[in-house]
Structure formats: C-alpha cells, structure tokens
Amino acid sequence: MKLILTQEVDGLGSPGDIVEVKDGYGRNYLIPRNVAVRWTRGGQKQVDSIKAARATRSVRDHAHADEIKGKLEAAPVDVKVRAGDSGRLFGTVTLTDLAGALAEVSGESVDKRTIVVTNPIKSLGAHTIAVKLHDDVSATVSLNVIAG
C-alpha cells in the first residue's frame, strides 16, 4: 500500500514522504491515527504543501542546529507552571509549555513534536528532556520547573 505520511513516524519517514507499507499496517494503524493518507496522483499537491510547511519550521542546516543546541544546553531553562503548596503540579508540564520556554531561551521556534519527555513531569524541581533539532543533532536540556 502506498501512503503519504502527514506526521513523523519513527523508522518509516517524515511528513510528506511517500512510503510503501504492508496493507494491514497502513489500514489498521497509520490511517486511523491520521499519520498517513492514501497516495493518489492528486496527493502530490498535499505532499508539496507538507514539505513547504516542514521547511519553514525546520532548522536550516547542521551548523544552525549546533548553534541552537549550544543555546539550549548553556543554562537550565525555567518553566513556570501552576502548583499547589506542597509542590505538586495541577496536571503535568505540557509539550506546549516546554516549547514556549525553549523558544524564549533559544530565540528560535521549537516544534513541540521534536521534544522527547521520557517521564511525565508532575513535580517542581530539576528535570531533563531531549530535543531532536536535526537528524544528527539532539540536545539534552536541563529544566527547572518552578511555581509561577
């Protein structure tokens, strides 16, 4: 089955890529989760728009990714969230919160889909996350979650 990816799928491809997968994987997993659509000849326009949007969001090149990595890893990033008196958060720190805090520090917009949080952040204090800036460049960012 030929599909057009609309979101990044680990081990398969990036948004806008045209991939060939087994029928069951495409029909039962990728299409219902809206990470892919069936390929058609008219779908080429959609591929072009996805790739254009990805180009505007993405890091320009390897050197630019290294520059952003240096800014992010230079000092801990403060993330202000609502918390109770005991230090317990009202919910978790969302990827949108993290992307906003990282954008303030780096001066560049950070796509929330590139942020990797291994364990949900549910308490105040120091935490660590990873940000995939480029295919070869990944930054390990120290966070300070503070009540705000």
N, C-alpha and C. Protein backbone atom coordinates (compact mmCIF):
# COMPACT_ATOMS: atom_id res chain seq x y z
N MET A 1 0.86 -1.17 0.00
CA MET A 1 0.00 0.00 0.00
C MET A 1 0.90 1.23 0.00
N LYS A 2 0.60 2.17 -0.85
CA LYS A 2 1.38 3.39 -0.96
C LYS A 2 0.66 4.48 -0.17
N LEU A 3 1.42 5.14 0.74
CA LEU A 3 0.85 6.17 1.61
C LEU A 3 1.70 7.42 1.60
N ILE A 4 1.06 8.53 1.95
CA ILE A 4 1.75 9.80 2.16
C ILE A 4 1.71 10.08 3.65
N LEU A 5 2.88 10.22 4.28
CA LEU A 5 2.93 10.49 5.72
C LEU A 5 2.58 11.95 5.99
N THR A 6 1.73 12.17 7.00
CA THR A 6 1.37 13.54 7.39
C THR A 6 2.06 13.93 8.69
N GLN A 7 2.63 12.95 9.40
CA GLN A 7 3.40 13.20 10.62
C GLN A 7 4.61 12.30 10.60
N GLU A 8 5.58 12.60 11.46
CA GLU A 8 6.78 11.77 11.52
C GLU A 8 6.46 10.43 12.19
N VAL A 9 6.95 9.36 11.59
CA VAL A 9 6.79 8.01 12.13
C VAL A 9 8.19 7.43 12.26
N ASP A 10 8.58 7.07 13.49
CA ASP A 10 9.91 6.52 13.72
C ASP A 10 10.14 5.28 12.88
N GLY A 11 11.28 5.24 12.22
CA GLY A 11 11.64 4.09 11.42
C GLY A 11 10.97 4.03 10.06
N LEU A 12 10.11 5.01 9.75
CA LEU A 12 9.39 4.98 8.48
C LEU A 12 9.67 6.21 7.64
N GLY A 13 9.51 7.41 8.23
CA GLY A 13 9.76 8.61 7.46
C GLY A 13 9.23 9.86 8.11
N SER A 14 9.38 10.95 7.39
CA SER A 14 8.99 12.27 7.85
C SER A 14 7.72 12.72 7.13
N PRO A 15 7.09 13.80 7.61
CA PRO A 15 5.91 14.30 6.92
C PRO A 15 6.21 14.64 5.46
N GLY A 16 5.32 14.22 4.58
CA GLY A 16 5.48 14.49 3.16
C GLY A 16 6.15 13.36 2.41
N ASP A 17 6.71 12.38 3.10
CA ASP A 17 7.35 11.25 2.43
C ASP A 17 6.29 10.30 1.89
N ILE A 18 6.58 9.72 0.74
CA ILE A 18 5.71 8.70 0.16
C ILE A 18 6.36 7.35 0.47
N VAL A 19 5.63 6.50 1.18
CA VAL A 19 6.20 5.22 1.63
C VAL A 19 5.32 4.06 1.16
N GLU A 20 5.95 2.90 1.07
CA GLU A 20 5.25 1.66 0.72
C GLU A 20 5.24 0.79 1.97
N VAL A 21 4.05 0.46 2.49
CA VAL A 21 3.92 -0.36 3.69
C VAL A 21 2.97 -1.51 3.41
N LYS A 22 2.97 -2.47 4.32
CA LYS A 22 2.03 -3.59 4.19
C LYS A 22 0.61 -3.07 4.39
N ASP A 23 -0.34 -3.71 3.73
CA ASP A 23 -1.73 -3.26 3.74
C ASP A 23 -2.30 -3.14 5.15
N GLY A 24 -2.08 -4.14 5.98
CA GLY A 24 -2.64 -4.14 7.33
C GLY A 24 -2.09 -3.01 8.19
N TYR A 25 -0.79 -2.76 8.10
CA TYR A 25 -0.16 -1.69 8.88
C TYR A 25 -0.73 -0.33 8.49
N GLY A 26 -0.88 -0.12 7.19
CA GLY A 26 -1.44 1.15 6.73
C GLY A 26 -2.91 1.30 7.08
N ARG A 27 -3.70 0.27 6.81
CA ARG A 27 -5.14 0.33 7.00
C ARG A 27 -5.54 0.35 8.48
N ASN A 28 -4.83 -0.41 9.32
CA ASN A 28 -5.24 -0.56 10.71
C ASN A 28 -4.50 0.34 11.70
N TYR A 29 -3.36 0.87 11.31
CA TYR A 29 -2.58 1.65 12.26
C TYR A 29 -2.36 3.09 11.78
N LEU A 30 -1.76 3.26 10.61
CA LEU A 30 -1.35 4.60 10.17
C LEU A 30 -2.53 5.49 9.79
N ILE A 31 -3.43 5.00 8.99
CA ILE A 31 -4.56 5.83 8.53
C ILE A 31 -5.52 6.17 9.67
N PRO A 32 -5.93 5.23 10.55
CA PRO A 32 -6.84 5.61 11.65
C PRO A 32 -6.24 6.63 12.62
N ARG A 33 -4.92 6.65 12.78
CA ARG A 33 -4.27 7.60 13.69
C ARG A 33 -3.93 8.92 12.99
N ASN A 34 -4.34 9.08 11.76
CA ASN A 34 -4.13 10.30 10.98
C ASN A 34 -2.66 10.67 10.84
N VAL A 35 -1.79 9.68 10.74
CA VAL A 35 -0.39 9.95 10.48
C VAL A 35 -0.05 9.70 9.01
N ALA A 36 -1.03 9.20 8.25
CA ALA A 36 -0.83 8.96 6.82
C ALA A 36 -2.16 9.00 6.09
N VAL A 37 -2.08 9.31 4.80
CA VAL A 37 -3.25 9.26 3.92
C VAL A 37 -2.87 8.43 2.69
N ARG A 38 -3.87 7.89 2.04
CA ARG A 38 -3.61 7.08 0.84
C ARG A 38 -2.99 7.96 -0.25
N TRP A 39 -2.08 7.36 -0.99
CA TRP A 39 -1.42 8.08 -2.07
C TRP A 39 -2.33 8.11 -3.29
N THR A 40 -2.46 9.28 -3.88
CA THR A 40 -3.15 9.45 -5.15
C THR A 40 -2.32 10.40 -6.00
N ARG A 41 -2.64 10.47 -7.27
CA ARG A 41 -1.91 11.40 -8.13
C ARG A 41 -2.16 12.85 -7.70
N GLY A 42 -3.37 13.11 -7.24
CA GLY A 42 -3.69 14.46 -6.76
C GLY A 42 -3.06 14.76 -5.41
N GLY A 43 -2.58 13.73 -4.74
CA GLY A 43 -1.95 13.92 -3.44
C GLY A 43 -0.60 14.60 -3.51
N GLN A 44 -0.05 14.74 -4.71
CA GLN A 44 1.25 15.39 -4.85
C GLN A 44 1.19 16.84 -4.37
N LYS A 45 0.07 17.53 -4.57
CA LYS A 45 -0.08 18.90 -4.07
C LYS A 45 0.00 18.93 -2.55
N GLN A 46 -0.60 17.93 -1.91
CA GLN A 46 -0.56 17.84 -0.46
C GLN A 46 0.88 17.58 0.01
N VAL A 47 1.61 16.73 -0.71
CA VAL A 47 3.00 16.46 -0.37
C VAL A 47 3.81 17.75 -0.45
N ASP A 48 3.60 18.52 -1.49
CA ASP A 48 4.33 19.77 -1.64
C ASP A 48 4.03 20.75 -0.51
N SER A 49 2.76 20.85 -0.10
CA SER A 49 2.41 21.77 0.99
C SER A 49 2.98 21.30 2.32
N ILE A 50 2.99 19.99 2.56
CA ILE A 50 3.56 19.46 3.80
C ILE A 50 5.06 19.74 3.84
N LYS A 51 5.75 19.52 2.73
CA LYS A 51 7.19 19.76 2.70
C LYS A 51 7.51 21.24 2.84
N ALA A 52 6.68 22.12 2.27
CA ALA A 52 6.91 23.56 2.41
C ALA A 52 6.73 23.99 3.87
N ALA A 53 5.71 23.45 4.54
CA ALA A 53 5.49 23.78 5.95
C ALA A 53 6.62 23.25 6.81
N ARG A 54 7.11 22.06 6.50
CA ARG A 54 8.22 21.49 7.26
C ARG A 54 9.49 22.31 7.07
N ALA A 55 9.71 22.82 5.87
CA ALA A 55 10.92 23.62 5.61
C ALA A 55 10.90 24.92 6.40
N THR A 56 9.74 25.53 6.58
CA THR A 56 9.69 26.78 7.33
C THR A 56 9.89 26.54 8.82
N ARG A 57 9.47 25.37 9.34
CA ARG A 57 9.60 25.06 10.76
C ARG A 57 10.97 24.52 11.10
N SER A 58 11.62 23.85 10.17
CA SER A 58 12.81 23.09 10.49
C SER A 58 14.05 23.97 10.63
N VAL A 59 15.05 23.39 11.18
CA VAL A 59 16.34 24.03 11.33
C VAL A 59 16.99 24.07 9.96
N ARG A 60 17.66 25.18 9.67
CA ARG A 60 18.20 25.37 8.32
C ARG A 60 19.25 24.33 7.94
N ASP A 61 20.25 24.12 8.79
CA ASP A 61 21.31 23.16 8.47
C ASP A 61 21.96 22.66 9.75
N HIS A 62 22.99 21.86 9.59
CA HIS A 62 23.66 21.25 10.74
C HIS A 62 24.29 22.32 11.65
N ALA A 63 24.90 23.33 11.06
CA ALA A 63 25.54 24.39 11.86
C ALA A 63 24.50 25.17 12.67
N HIS A 64 23.36 25.43 12.06
CA HIS A 64 22.29 26.13 12.76
C HIS A 64 21.77 25.29 13.92
N ALA A 65 21.66 23.98 13.72
CA ALA A 65 21.23 23.08 14.79
C ALA A 65 22.23 23.07 15.94
N ASP A 66 23.53 23.09 15.62
CA ASP A 66 24.56 23.15 16.66
C ASP A 66 24.48 24.45 17.45
N GLU A 67 24.18 25.54 16.76
CA GLU A 67 24.04 26.85 17.42
C GLU A 67 22.87 26.84 18.41
N ILE A 68 21.72 26.29 18.00
CA ILE A 68 20.56 26.21 18.87
C ILE A 68 20.85 25.27 20.04
N LYS A 69 21.54 24.16 19.76
CA LYS A 69 21.90 23.21 20.81
C LYS A 69 22.76 23.89 21.88
N GLY A 70 23.70 24.72 21.46
CA GLY A 70 24.55 25.44 22.41
C GLY A 70 23.74 26.38 23.30
N LYS A 71 22.77 27.06 22.71
CA LYS A 71 21.92 27.97 23.50
C LYS A 71 21.07 27.20 24.51
N LEU A 72 20.53 26.05 24.09
CA LEU A 72 19.65 25.28 24.96
C LEU A 72 20.41 24.60 26.10
N GLU A 73 21.61 24.14 25.82
CA GLU A 73 22.37 23.43 26.83
C GLU A 73 23.21 24.34 27.71
N ALA A 74 23.27 25.64 27.41
CA ALA A 74 24.13 26.56 28.15
C ALA A 74 23.71 26.69 29.61
N ALA A 75 22.44 26.82 29.87
CA ALA A 75 21.96 27.00 31.24
C ALA A 75 20.61 26.32 31.38
N PRO A 76 20.22 25.99 32.61
CA PRO A 76 18.89 25.38 32.80
C PRO A 76 17.77 26.32 32.35
N VAL A 77 16.73 25.75 31.78
CA VAL A 77 15.59 26.50 31.28
C VAL A 77 14.52 26.51 32.37
N ASP A 78 14.03 27.70 32.72
CA ASP A 78 12.98 27.82 33.72
C ASP A 78 11.62 27.70 33.06
N VAL A 79 10.79 26.81 33.61
CA VAL A 79 9.42 26.62 33.12
C VAL A 79 8.49 26.95 34.28
N LYS A 80 7.65 27.97 34.09
CA LYS A 80 6.73 28.39 35.15
C LYS A 80 5.39 27.70 34.95
N VAL A 81 4.91 27.05 36.03
CA VAL A 81 3.63 26.33 35.99
C VAL A 81 2.86 26.59 37.27
N ARG A 82 1.56 26.31 37.25
CA ARG A 82 0.75 26.44 38.46
C ARG A 82 0.96 25.21 39.33
N ALA A 83 1.18 25.46 40.62
CA ALA A 83 1.42 24.35 41.55
C ALA A 83 0.77 24.65 42.88
N GLY A 84 0.49 23.58 43.63
CA GLY A 84 -0.08 23.71 44.96
C GLY A 84 0.99 24.02 45.99
N ASP A 85 0.58 24.18 47.25
CA ASP A 85 1.51 24.49 48.33
C ASP A 85 2.53 23.38 48.57
N SER A 86 2.15 22.14 48.31
CA SER A 86 3.04 21.01 48.58
C SER A 86 4.05 20.78 47.45
N GLY A 87 4.00 21.58 46.39
CA GLY A 87 4.91 21.41 45.27
C GLY A 87 4.38 20.51 44.19
N ARG A 88 3.16 20.05 44.33
CA ARG A 88 2.54 19.17 43.34
C ARG A 88 1.88 20.05 42.28
N LEU A 89 2.06 19.69 41.03
CA LEU A 89 1.51 20.48 39.92
C LEU A 89 0.04 20.18 39.70
N PHE A 90 -0.66 21.15 39.13
CA PHE A 90 -2.03 20.94 38.68
C PHE A 90 -1.95 20.36 37.27
N GLY A 91 -1.86 19.05 37.16
CA GLY A 91 -1.67 18.39 35.86
C GLY A 91 -0.20 18.14 35.63
N THR A 92 0.21 18.13 34.37
CA THR A 92 1.61 17.92 34.02
C THR A 92 2.11 19.10 33.20
N VAL A 93 3.41 19.15 33.02
CA VAL A 93 4.00 20.15 32.14
C VAL A 93 3.80 19.65 30.72
N THR A 94 3.12 20.44 29.89
CA THR A 94 2.78 20.00 28.54
C THR A 94 3.92 20.32 27.57
N LEU A 95 3.87 19.69 26.42
CA LEU A 95 4.87 19.95 25.38
C LEU A 95 4.77 21.39 24.90
N THR A 96 3.58 21.96 24.91
CA THR A 96 3.41 23.35 24.51
C THR A 96 4.11 24.28 25.49
N ASP A 97 3.99 23.99 26.79
CA ASP A 97 4.71 24.78 27.79
C ASP A 97 6.21 24.70 27.57
N LEU A 98 6.70 23.50 27.32
CA LEU A 98 8.13 23.30 27.10
C LEU A 98 8.61 24.01 25.83
N ALA A 99 7.82 23.91 24.76
CA ALA A 99 8.21 24.55 23.51
C ALA A 99 8.28 26.06 23.67
N GLY A 100 7.34 26.64 24.43
CA GLY A 100 7.36 28.08 24.68
C GLY A 100 8.59 28.50 25.47
N ALA A 101 8.93 27.74 26.51
CA ALA A 101 10.10 28.06 27.33
C ALA A 101 11.39 27.91 26.52
N LEU A 102 11.47 26.88 25.70
CA LEU A 102 12.66 26.67 24.87
C LEU A 102 12.80 27.75 23.81
N ALA A 103 11.68 28.22 23.27
CA ALA A 103 11.72 29.28 22.27
C ALA A 103 12.22 30.59 22.87
N GLU A 104 11.84 30.86 24.13
CA GLU A 104 12.32 32.08 24.79
C GLU A 104 13.83 32.04 24.96
N VAL A 105 14.37 30.89 25.34
CA VAL A 105 15.80 30.78 25.59
C VAL A 105 16.60 30.80 24.30
N SER A 106 16.16 30.05 23.29
CA SER A 106 16.94 29.91 22.06
C SER A 106 16.71 31.05 21.07
N GLY A 107 15.58 31.73 21.17
CA GLY A 107 15.27 32.77 20.20
C GLY A 107 14.73 32.21 18.89
N GLU A 108 14.56 30.90 18.81
CA GLU A 108 14.04 30.21 17.63
C GLU A 108 12.80 29.43 18.03
N SER A 109 11.87 29.26 17.11
CA SER A 109 10.69 28.45 17.45
C SER A 109 11.11 26.98 17.47
N VAL A 110 10.65 26.28 18.51
CA VAL A 110 10.96 24.86 18.67
C VAL A 110 9.66 24.09 18.48
N ASP A 111 9.66 23.17 17.54
CA ASP A 111 8.48 22.36 17.27
C ASP A 111 8.26 21.39 18.41
N LYS A 112 7.05 21.38 18.96
CA LYS A 112 6.79 20.52 20.13
C LYS A 112 6.89 19.04 19.79
N ARG A 113 6.79 18.68 18.54
CA ARG A 113 6.90 17.27 18.15
C ARG A 113 8.33 16.77 18.21
N THR A 114 9.30 17.68 18.33
CA THR A 114 10.70 17.26 18.42
C THR A 114 11.17 17.10 19.86
N ILE A 115 10.30 17.42 20.83
CA ILE A 115 10.66 17.32 22.24
C ILE A 115 10.34 15.91 22.73
N VAL A 116 11.32 15.29 23.41
CA VAL A 116 11.16 13.93 23.92
C VAL A 116 11.18 13.98 25.44
N VAL A 117 10.04 13.66 26.06
CA VAL A 117 9.94 13.60 27.52
C VAL A 117 9.75 12.13 27.89
N THR A 118 10.73 11.56 28.60
CA THR A 118 10.64 10.14 28.93
C THR A 118 9.60 9.86 30.00
N ASN A 119 9.56 10.66 31.06
CA ASN A 119 8.58 10.51 32.13
C ASN A 119 7.78 11.79 32.25
N PRO A 120 6.47 11.72 32.44
CA PRO A 120 5.68 12.94 32.59
C PRO A 120 6.20 13.78 33.77
N ILE A 121 6.26 15.09 33.56
CA ILE A 121 6.76 16.00 34.59
C ILE A 121 5.59 16.44 35.44
N LYS A 122 5.53 15.96 36.69
CA LYS A 122 4.40 16.23 37.57
C LYS A 122 4.81 16.89 38.88
N SER A 123 6.07 17.32 38.99
CA SER A 123 6.52 17.94 40.24
C SER A 123 7.48 19.08 39.95
N LEU A 124 7.63 19.95 40.93
CA LEU A 124 8.57 21.05 40.81
C LEU A 124 9.99 20.51 40.94
N GLY A 125 10.97 21.26 40.44
CA GLY A 125 12.37 20.87 40.59
C GLY A 125 13.06 20.68 39.26
N ALA A 126 14.18 19.99 39.32
CA ALA A 126 15.03 19.78 38.14
C ALA A 126 14.59 18.53 37.37
N HIS A 127 14.53 18.66 36.06
CA HIS A 127 14.18 17.57 35.17
C HIS A 127 15.05 17.67 33.91
N THR A 128 15.11 16.60 33.15
CA THR A 128 15.89 16.58 31.91
C THR A 128 15.01 16.09 30.77
N ILE A 129 15.13 16.77 29.63
CA ILE A 129 14.42 16.36 28.42
C ILE A 129 15.40 16.35 27.26
N ALA A 130 14.99 15.77 26.15
CA ALA A 130 15.80 15.76 24.93
C ALA A 130 15.01 16.48 23.83
N VAL A 131 15.74 17.18 22.97
CA VAL A 131 15.14 17.88 21.83
C VAL A 131 15.89 17.47 20.58
N LYS A 132 15.18 16.88 19.62
CA LYS A 132 15.80 16.46 18.37
C LYS A 132 15.73 17.65 17.40
N LEU A 133 16.87 18.31 17.22
CA LEU A 133 16.92 19.51 16.41
C LEU A 133 17.14 19.22 14.93
N HIS A 134 17.89 18.18 14.65
CA HIS A 134 18.25 17.83 13.28
C HIS A 134 18.40 16.32 13.26
N ASP A 135 18.56 15.73 12.11
CA ASP A 135 18.72 14.28 12.03
C ASP A 135 19.89 13.79 12.87
N ASP A 136 20.99 14.57 12.90
CA ASP A 136 22.20 14.17 13.61
C ASP A 136 22.41 14.89 14.93
N VAL A 137 21.60 15.92 15.22
CA VAL A 137 21.84 16.76 16.39
C VAL A 137 20.66 16.64 17.36
N SER A 138 20.99 16.25 18.60
CA SER A 138 19.99 16.17 19.66
C SER A 138 20.55 16.88 20.88
N ALA A 139 19.74 17.74 21.50
CA ALA A 139 20.18 18.49 22.67
C ALA A 139 19.54 17.90 23.93
N THR A 140 20.33 17.80 24.99
CA THR A 140 19.83 17.38 26.28
C THR A 140 19.68 18.64 27.13
N VAL A 141 18.45 18.96 27.49
CA VAL A 141 18.13 20.23 28.14
C VAL A 141 17.77 20.00 29.60
N SER A 142 18.36 20.79 30.48
CA SER A 142 18.02 20.76 31.90
C SER A 142 16.90 21.76 32.15
N LEU A 143 15.87 21.32 32.86
CA LEU A 143 14.73 22.17 33.16
C LEU A 143 14.66 22.44 34.65
N ASN A 144 14.22 23.63 35.00
CA ASN A 144 13.86 23.95 36.36
C ASN A 144 12.37 24.26 36.34
N VAL A 145 11.56 23.39 36.88
CA VAL A 145 10.12 23.63 36.92
C VAL A 145 9.86 24.40 38.22
N ILE A 146 9.33 25.63 38.04
CA ILE A 146 9.09 26.50 39.20
C ILE A 146 7.62 26.93 39.23
N ALA A 147 7.15 27.22 40.42
CA ALA A 147 5.77 27.69 40.57
C ALA A 147 5.68 29.11 40.05
N GLY A 148 4.66 29.38 39.28
CA GLY A 148 4.56 30.71 38.70
C GLY A 148 3.24 31.27 38.79
